[in-house]
Amino acid sequence: MTLSVVVADSQDQIDAAIALRMVVFVEEQRVPLAEEIDGLDDHATHLVALDTEEVVATCRLLPDGMTIKLGRMVVAKERRREGIASEMLRVADQQSKLLGGKQISLAAQTYAAALYEQAGYVASGEPFPDAGIEHIWMSKQLQ
């Protein structure tokens, strides 16, 4: 396996990332298409995990002042539990600093909150539904 997590550097990589999100969010998790396509992709920095040239995971970063909003993180079903999400979060930290961020925030699906906690995120507030899936706000200060 030759896995690397990088900033998407072509429209083909971004298109593959969005296609992967469609599989995970729309097909697997039944998120309505209108909620998944929110018009923010053109304003985001997209990270992709590449196995050779295949996009096997993705997330996006959206600056909001000194906070970077991390969202739309997915790993292909057949590649889960390989540590790819943790590597995505490590690279997201680095890239967020380059974007001028002092903190990262995200709405985590509650079943995945432990992954984010292991990466240094802290939950706040009460769980809430988003697209029919329970989420919780989490954030992390960047060093």
N, C-alpha and C. Protein backbone atom coordinates (compact mmCIF):
# COMPACT_ATOMS: atom_id res chain seq x y z
N MET A 1 0.84 -1.19 0.00
CA MET A 1 0.00 0.00 0.00
C MET A 1 0.88 1.24 0.00
N THR A 2 0.60 2.14 -0.92
CA THR A 2 1.28 3.41 -1.00
C THR A 2 0.27 4.50 -0.71
N LEU A 3 0.08 4.80 0.57
CA LEU A 3 -0.94 5.76 0.96
C LEU A 3 -0.30 7.10 1.26
N SER A 4 -0.91 8.17 0.73
CA SER A 4 -0.47 9.52 1.05
C SER A 4 -1.69 10.41 1.20
N VAL A 5 -1.64 11.31 2.17
CA VAL A 5 -2.71 12.28 2.37
C VAL A 5 -2.17 13.63 1.93
N VAL A 6 -2.87 14.22 0.95
CA VAL A 6 -2.39 15.45 0.33
C VAL A 6 -3.57 16.39 0.09
N VAL A 7 -3.24 17.65 -0.20
CA VAL A 7 -4.25 18.59 -0.67
C VAL A 7 -4.57 18.20 -2.11
N ALA A 8 -5.85 18.09 -2.41
CA ALA A 8 -6.26 17.76 -3.78
C ALA A 8 -5.70 18.81 -4.71
N ASP A 9 -5.02 18.36 -5.76
CA ASP A 9 -4.37 19.30 -6.66
C ASP A 9 -4.94 19.28 -8.08
N SER A 10 -6.09 18.63 -8.24
CA SER A 10 -6.73 18.63 -9.57
C SER A 10 -8.23 18.50 -9.40
N GLN A 11 -8.95 18.93 -10.42
CA GLN A 11 -10.41 18.78 -10.38
C GLN A 11 -10.79 17.31 -10.37
N ASP A 12 -9.99 16.46 -11.01
CA ASP A 12 -10.27 15.03 -10.99
C ASP A 12 -10.23 14.48 -9.56
N GLN A 13 -9.25 14.91 -8.75
CA GLN A 13 -9.19 14.45 -7.36
C GLN A 13 -10.37 14.98 -6.56
N ILE A 14 -10.76 16.23 -6.78
CA ILE A 14 -11.91 16.79 -6.07
C ILE A 14 -13.18 16.04 -6.48
N ASP A 15 -13.33 15.78 -7.77
CA ASP A 15 -14.51 15.04 -8.25
C ASP A 15 -14.56 13.64 -7.64
N ALA A 16 -13.41 12.98 -7.54
CA ALA A 16 -13.36 11.64 -6.93
C ALA A 16 -13.70 11.71 -5.44
N ALA A 17 -13.25 12.78 -4.76
CA ALA A 17 -13.57 12.97 -3.35
C ALA A 17 -15.07 13.15 -3.16
N ILE A 18 -15.68 13.96 -3.99
CA ILE A 18 -17.13 14.19 -3.89
C ILE A 18 -17.88 12.90 -4.22
N ALA A 19 -17.41 12.16 -5.19
CA ALA A 19 -18.04 10.87 -5.53
C ALA A 19 -17.98 9.91 -4.34
N LEU A 20 -16.86 9.89 -3.63
CA LEU A 20 -16.73 9.04 -2.45
C LEU A 20 -17.71 9.49 -1.36
N ARG A 21 -17.84 10.79 -1.19
CA ARG A 21 -18.82 11.30 -0.22
C ARG A 21 -20.23 10.88 -0.59
N MET A 22 -20.55 10.86 -1.86
CA MET A 22 -21.88 10.42 -2.30
C MET A 22 -22.12 8.97 -1.88
N VAL A 23 -21.12 8.13 -2.08
CA VAL A 23 -21.25 6.72 -1.71
C VAL A 23 -21.48 6.60 -0.21
N VAL A 24 -20.65 7.25 0.58
CA VAL A 24 -20.73 7.08 2.04
C VAL A 24 -21.95 7.80 2.63
N PHE A 25 -22.08 9.08 2.33
CA PHE A 25 -23.16 9.83 2.98
C PHE A 25 -24.52 9.56 2.36
N VAL A 26 -24.64 9.64 1.05
CA VAL A 26 -25.95 9.53 0.41
C VAL A 26 -26.40 8.08 0.30
N GLU A 27 -25.52 7.19 -0.16
CA GLU A 27 -25.92 5.80 -0.33
C GLU A 27 -25.91 5.02 0.99
N GLU A 28 -24.79 5.05 1.71
CA GLU A 28 -24.69 4.26 2.95
C GLU A 28 -25.54 4.84 4.08
N GLN A 29 -25.39 6.15 4.30
CA GLN A 29 -26.02 6.76 5.48
C GLN A 29 -27.36 7.42 5.18
N ARG A 30 -27.76 7.45 3.93
CA ARG A 30 -29.06 7.98 3.52
C ARG A 30 -29.23 9.48 3.81
N VAL A 31 -28.12 10.23 3.74
CA VAL A 31 -28.20 11.68 3.85
C VAL A 31 -28.83 12.20 2.55
N PRO A 32 -29.82 13.07 2.65
CA PRO A 32 -30.42 13.61 1.42
C PRO A 32 -29.38 14.34 0.57
N LEU A 33 -29.44 14.11 -0.73
CA LEU A 33 -28.48 14.72 -1.66
C LEU A 33 -28.43 16.24 -1.50
N ALA A 34 -29.59 16.86 -1.31
CA ALA A 34 -29.65 18.32 -1.17
C ALA A 34 -28.90 18.80 0.07
N GLU A 35 -28.76 17.97 1.09
CA GLU A 35 -28.01 18.36 2.28
C GLU A 35 -26.51 18.10 2.10
N GLU A 36 -26.16 17.09 1.33
CA GLU A 36 -24.74 16.79 1.11
C GLU A 36 -24.09 17.83 0.20
N ILE A 37 -24.76 18.21 -0.85
CA ILE A 37 -24.23 19.22 -1.77
C ILE A 37 -24.71 20.58 -1.28
N ASP A 38 -23.83 21.27 -0.55
CA ASP A 38 -24.22 22.50 0.13
C ASP A 38 -23.66 23.77 -0.50
N GLY A 39 -22.98 23.64 -1.64
CA GLY A 39 -22.46 24.81 -2.32
C GLY A 39 -21.14 25.33 -1.77
N LEU A 40 -20.54 24.64 -0.81
CA LEU A 40 -19.30 25.13 -0.19
C LEU A 40 -18.04 24.48 -0.74
N ASP A 41 -18.19 23.46 -1.57
CA ASP A 41 -17.00 22.75 -2.07
C ASP A 41 -16.05 23.64 -2.84
N ASP A 42 -16.57 24.62 -3.58
CA ASP A 42 -15.70 25.51 -4.36
C ASP A 42 -14.89 26.44 -3.47
N HIS A 43 -15.26 26.57 -2.19
CA HIS A 43 -14.57 27.46 -1.27
C HIS A 43 -13.67 26.71 -0.30
N ALA A 44 -13.60 25.39 -0.44
CA ALA A 44 -12.89 24.55 0.52
C ALA A 44 -11.53 24.11 0.01
N THR A 45 -10.68 23.76 0.96
CA THR A 45 -9.47 23.02 0.68
C THR A 45 -9.82 21.56 0.91
N HIS A 46 -9.64 20.75 -0.12
CA HIS A 46 -9.98 19.33 -0.02
C HIS A 46 -8.72 18.52 0.23
N LEU A 47 -8.75 17.68 1.26
CA LEU A 47 -7.69 16.72 1.49
C LEU A 47 -8.16 15.37 0.96
N VAL A 48 -7.23 14.64 0.36
CA VAL A 48 -7.55 13.30 -0.14
C VAL A 48 -6.47 12.34 0.31
N ALA A 49 -6.91 11.13 0.66
CA ALA A 49 -5.97 10.04 0.93
C ALA A 49 -5.91 9.23 -0.36
N LEU A 50 -4.71 9.12 -0.90
CA LEU A 50 -4.52 8.42 -2.16
C LEU A 50 -3.79 7.11 -1.92
N ASP A 51 -4.33 6.05 -2.46
CA ASP A 51 -3.62 4.77 -2.53
C ASP A 51 -3.25 4.64 -4.00
N THR A 52 -2.01 4.88 -4.28
CA THR A 52 -1.51 5.10 -5.64
C THR A 52 -2.28 6.31 -6.18
N GLU A 53 -3.22 6.15 -7.10
CA GLU A 53 -3.97 7.30 -7.62
C GLU A 53 -5.43 7.30 -7.16
N GLU A 54 -5.86 6.25 -6.45
CA GLU A 54 -7.25 6.13 -6.05
C GLU A 54 -7.53 6.91 -4.76
N VAL A 55 -8.59 7.72 -4.77
CA VAL A 55 -9.02 8.44 -3.59
C VAL A 55 -9.77 7.46 -2.69
N VAL A 56 -9.21 7.20 -1.49
CA VAL A 56 -9.84 6.25 -0.56
C VAL A 56 -10.39 6.94 0.68
N ALA A 57 -10.14 8.24 0.83
CA ALA A 57 -10.68 9.02 1.95
C ALA A 57 -10.58 10.49 1.58
N THR A 58 -11.40 11.28 2.25
CA THR A 58 -11.38 12.72 1.99
C THR A 58 -11.96 13.48 3.17
N CYS A 59 -11.65 14.75 3.24
CA CYS A 59 -12.32 15.71 4.11
C CYS A 59 -12.09 17.08 3.49
N ARG A 60 -12.81 18.05 4.00
CA ARG A 60 -12.61 19.41 3.49
C ARG A 60 -12.42 20.37 4.65
N LEU A 61 -11.70 21.45 4.37
CA LEU A 61 -11.40 22.48 5.35
C LEU A 61 -11.95 23.80 4.85
N LEU A 62 -12.72 24.47 5.70
CA LEU A 62 -13.30 25.77 5.35
C LEU A 62 -12.90 26.80 6.40
N PRO A 63 -12.10 27.80 6.01
CA PRO A 63 -11.73 28.84 6.96
C PRO A 63 -12.93 29.70 7.36
N ASP A 64 -13.00 30.03 8.64
CA ASP A 64 -14.01 30.93 9.19
C ASP A 64 -13.30 31.78 10.23
N GLY A 65 -12.66 32.82 9.78
CA GLY A 65 -11.82 33.63 10.66
C GLY A 65 -10.61 32.81 11.09
N MET A 66 -10.37 32.74 12.39
CA MET A 66 -9.23 31.99 12.91
C MET A 66 -9.57 30.52 13.15
N THR A 67 -10.82 30.15 12.86
CA THR A 67 -11.26 28.76 13.01
C THR A 67 -11.35 28.11 11.65
N ILE A 68 -10.88 26.88 11.56
CA ILE A 68 -11.03 26.09 10.35
C ILE A 68 -12.11 25.06 10.64
N LYS A 69 -13.10 25.00 9.78
CA LYS A 69 -14.16 24.01 9.94
C LYS A 69 -13.81 22.78 9.12
N LEU A 70 -13.64 21.67 9.82
CA LEU A 70 -13.35 20.39 9.16
C LEU A 70 -14.68 19.68 8.94
N GLY A 71 -14.89 19.20 7.76
CA GLY A 71 -16.14 18.53 7.48
C GLY A 71 -16.05 17.53 6.36
N ARG A 72 -17.15 16.82 6.19
CA ARG A 72 -17.30 15.86 5.09
C ARG A 72 -16.19 14.81 5.07
N MET A 73 -15.76 14.37 6.26
CA MET A 73 -14.71 13.36 6.30
C MET A 73 -15.31 11.97 6.12
N VAL A 74 -14.77 11.25 5.15
CA VAL A 74 -15.19 9.88 4.88
C VAL A 74 -13.99 9.03 4.50
N VAL A 75 -14.12 7.74 4.79
CA VAL A 75 -13.15 6.73 4.36
C VAL A 75 -13.95 5.65 3.64
N ALA A 76 -13.45 5.20 2.51
CA ALA A 76 -14.13 4.14 1.76
C ALA A 76 -14.37 2.94 2.67
N LYS A 77 -15.54 2.34 2.53
CA LYS A 77 -15.96 1.26 3.43
C LYS A 77 -14.92 0.16 3.55
N GLU A 78 -14.34 -0.25 2.44
CA GLU A 78 -13.37 -1.35 2.45
C GLU A 78 -12.01 -0.94 3.02
N ARG A 79 -11.81 0.35 3.33
CA ARG A 79 -10.53 0.84 3.85
C ARG A 79 -10.62 1.33 5.29
N ARG A 80 -11.75 1.16 5.94
CA ARG A 80 -11.91 1.61 7.32
C ARG A 80 -11.11 0.72 8.26
N ARG A 81 -10.78 1.30 9.40
CA ARG A 81 -10.02 0.61 10.47
C ARG A 81 -8.57 0.35 10.07
N GLU A 82 -8.02 1.18 9.17
CA GLU A 82 -6.62 1.06 8.78
C GLU A 82 -5.79 2.25 9.27
N GLY A 83 -6.41 3.16 10.03
CA GLY A 83 -5.69 4.34 10.51
C GLY A 83 -5.70 5.50 9.53
N ILE A 84 -6.45 5.37 8.45
CA ILE A 84 -6.47 6.43 7.43
C ILE A 84 -7.11 7.70 8.00
N ALA A 85 -8.20 7.57 8.75
CA ALA A 85 -8.86 8.75 9.31
C ALA A 85 -7.92 9.50 10.25
N SER A 86 -7.17 8.78 11.05
CA SER A 86 -6.22 9.44 11.96
C SER A 86 -5.15 10.20 11.19
N GLU A 87 -4.69 9.63 10.10
CA GLU A 87 -3.69 10.32 9.26
C GLU A 87 -4.33 11.54 8.60
N MET A 88 -5.58 11.43 8.19
CA MET A 88 -6.28 12.58 7.62
C MET A 88 -6.32 13.72 8.63
N LEU A 89 -6.62 13.40 9.89
CA LEU A 89 -6.70 14.42 10.93
C LEU A 89 -5.33 15.06 11.19
N ARG A 90 -4.28 14.26 11.14
CA ARG A 90 -2.93 14.81 11.34
C ARG A 90 -2.60 15.82 10.24
N VAL A 91 -2.88 15.46 9.01
CA VAL A 91 -2.61 16.37 7.89
C VAL A 91 -3.55 17.58 7.94
N ALA A 92 -4.78 17.37 8.38
CA ALA A 92 -5.72 18.49 8.51
C ALA A 92 -5.19 19.52 9.50
N ASP A 93 -4.57 19.07 10.59
CA ASP A 93 -3.95 19.99 11.54
C ASP A 93 -2.88 20.83 10.84
N GLN A 94 -2.00 20.17 10.13
CA GLN A 94 -0.91 20.88 9.44
C GLN A 94 -1.46 21.90 8.44
N GLN A 95 -2.41 21.45 7.63
CA GLN A 95 -2.96 22.33 6.60
C GLN A 95 -3.74 23.48 7.22
N SER A 96 -4.45 23.22 8.31
CA SER A 96 -5.21 24.27 8.98
C SER A 96 -4.30 25.38 9.49
N LYS A 97 -3.14 25.00 10.01
CA LYS A 97 -2.16 26.00 10.44
C LYS A 97 -1.69 26.83 9.25
N LEU A 98 -1.45 26.17 8.12
CA LEU A 98 -1.03 26.89 6.92
C LEU A 98 -2.11 27.86 6.43
N LEU A 99 -3.35 27.53 6.70
CA LEU A 99 -4.47 28.40 6.33
C LEU A 99 -4.70 29.52 7.33
N GLY A 100 -3.87 29.56 8.39
CA GLY A 100 -3.98 30.62 9.39
C GLY A 100 -4.89 30.30 10.55
N GLY A 101 -5.30 29.05 10.66
CA GLY A 101 -6.21 28.66 11.72
C GLY A 101 -5.53 28.55 13.08
N LYS A 102 -6.26 28.92 14.10
CA LYS A 102 -5.82 28.75 15.49
C LYS A 102 -6.57 27.62 16.17
N GLN A 103 -7.71 27.22 15.57
CA GLN A 103 -8.46 26.10 16.09
C GLN A 103 -9.20 25.44 14.94
N ILE A 104 -9.56 24.17 15.15
CA ILE A 104 -10.38 23.42 14.20
C ILE A 104 -11.67 23.06 14.92
N SER A 105 -12.78 23.18 14.23
CA SER A 105 -14.05 22.74 14.80
C SER A 105 -14.75 21.81 13.81
N LEU A 106 -15.61 20.95 14.34
CA LEU A 106 -16.34 20.03 13.48
C LEU A 106 -17.57 19.52 14.20
N ALA A 107 -18.51 19.05 13.41
CA ALA A 107 -19.69 18.37 13.95
C ALA A 107 -19.46 16.88 13.69
N ALA A 108 -19.12 16.16 14.74
CA ALA A 108 -18.79 14.73 14.61
C ALA A 108 -20.05 13.88 14.74
N GLN A 109 -20.16 12.87 13.90
CA GLN A 109 -21.18 11.87 14.15
C GLN A 109 -20.80 11.23 15.48
N THR A 110 -21.75 11.09 16.39
CA THR A 110 -21.40 10.69 17.75
C THR A 110 -20.71 9.33 17.80
N TYR A 111 -21.03 8.42 16.89
CA TYR A 111 -20.36 7.12 16.92
C TYR A 111 -18.87 7.25 16.63
N ALA A 112 -18.44 8.35 15.99
CA ALA A 112 -17.04 8.55 15.65
C ALA A 112 -16.33 9.51 16.60
N ALA A 113 -17.00 9.97 17.64
CA ALA A 113 -16.40 10.96 18.54
C ALA A 113 -15.09 10.48 19.16
N ALA A 114 -14.98 9.20 19.46
CA ALA A 114 -13.75 8.68 20.07
C ALA A 114 -12.54 8.88 19.16
N LEU A 115 -12.72 8.74 17.87
CA LEU A 115 -11.63 8.98 16.91
C LEU A 115 -11.10 10.40 17.06
N TYR A 116 -12.02 11.36 17.13
CA TYR A 116 -11.62 12.76 17.25
C TYR A 116 -11.01 13.04 18.62
N GLU A 117 -11.56 12.43 19.67
CA GLU A 117 -10.98 12.61 21.00
C GLU A 117 -9.54 12.13 21.04
N GLN A 118 -9.26 11.01 20.39
CA GLN A 118 -7.87 10.49 20.34
C GLN A 118 -6.94 11.47 19.63
N ALA A 119 -7.50 12.29 18.74
CA ALA A 119 -6.70 13.28 18.01
C ALA A 119 -6.66 14.62 18.72
N GLY A 120 -7.23 14.69 19.93
CA GLY A 120 -7.14 15.92 20.72
C GLY A 120 -8.35 16.82 20.70
N TYR A 121 -9.42 16.41 20.07
CA TYR A 121 -10.64 17.21 20.03
C TYR A 121 -11.42 17.05 21.34
N VAL A 122 -12.14 18.11 21.71
CA VAL A 122 -12.95 18.12 22.92
C VAL A 122 -14.39 18.41 22.52
N ALA A 123 -15.31 17.59 23.02
CA ALA A 123 -16.73 17.78 22.74
C ALA A 123 -17.29 18.92 23.56
N SER A 124 -18.30 19.59 23.00
CA SER A 124 -19.00 20.64 23.74
C SER A 124 -20.48 20.62 23.36
N GLY A 125 -21.29 21.01 24.32
CA GLY A 125 -22.72 21.05 24.05
C GLY A 125 -23.36 19.67 24.08
N GLU A 126 -24.58 19.64 23.65
CA GLU A 126 -25.37 18.42 23.64
C GLU A 126 -25.42 17.84 22.23
N PRO A 127 -25.57 16.53 22.12
CA PRO A 127 -25.75 15.93 20.80
C PRO A 127 -26.98 16.53 20.10
N PHE A 128 -26.91 16.59 18.77
CA PHE A 128 -28.01 17.16 17.98
C PHE A 128 -28.13 16.37 16.68
N PRO A 129 -29.33 16.33 16.10
CA PRO A 129 -29.50 15.62 14.84
C PRO A 129 -29.10 16.49 13.65
N ASP A 130 -28.45 15.90 12.70
CA ASP A 130 -28.13 16.55 11.43
C ASP A 130 -28.31 15.49 10.35
N ALA A 131 -29.17 15.74 9.40
CA ALA A 131 -29.49 14.79 8.33
C ALA A 131 -29.93 13.45 8.91
N GLY A 132 -30.59 13.50 10.06
CA GLY A 132 -31.09 12.29 10.68
C GLY A 132 -30.05 11.48 11.43
N ILE A 133 -28.84 12.04 11.60
CA ILE A 133 -27.75 11.35 12.28
C ILE A 133 -27.33 12.20 13.48
N GLU A 134 -27.14 11.57 14.64
CA GLU A 134 -26.75 12.31 15.84
C GLU A 134 -25.29 12.77 15.72
N HIS A 135 -25.08 14.06 15.99
CA HIS A 135 -23.76 14.71 15.94
C HIS A 135 -23.47 15.40 17.26
N ILE A 136 -22.22 15.76 17.45
CA ILE A 136 -21.83 16.60 18.58
C ILE A 136 -20.71 17.54 18.11
N TRP A 137 -20.75 18.79 18.60
CA TRP A 137 -19.70 19.74 18.25
C TRP A 137 -18.42 19.39 18.98
N MET A 138 -17.31 19.47 18.25
CA MET A 138 -15.99 19.19 18.83
C MET A 138 -15.02 20.25 18.29
N SER A 139 -13.99 20.54 19.08
CA SER A 139 -12.99 21.49 18.61
C SER A 139 -11.63 21.14 19.20
N LYS A 140 -10.63 21.73 18.59
CA LYS A 140 -9.24 21.48 18.98
C LYS A 140 -8.44 22.76 18.75
N GLN A 141 -7.65 23.13 19.75
CA GLN A 141 -6.75 24.26 19.59
C GLN A 141 -5.50 23.78 18.84
N LEU A 142 -5.05 24.59 17.91
CA LEU A 142 -3.83 24.24 17.16
C LEU A 142 -2.62 24.84 17.85
N GLN A 143 -1.58 24.07 17.98
CA GLN A 143 -0.36 24.53 18.64
C GLN A 143 0.53 25.26 17.67
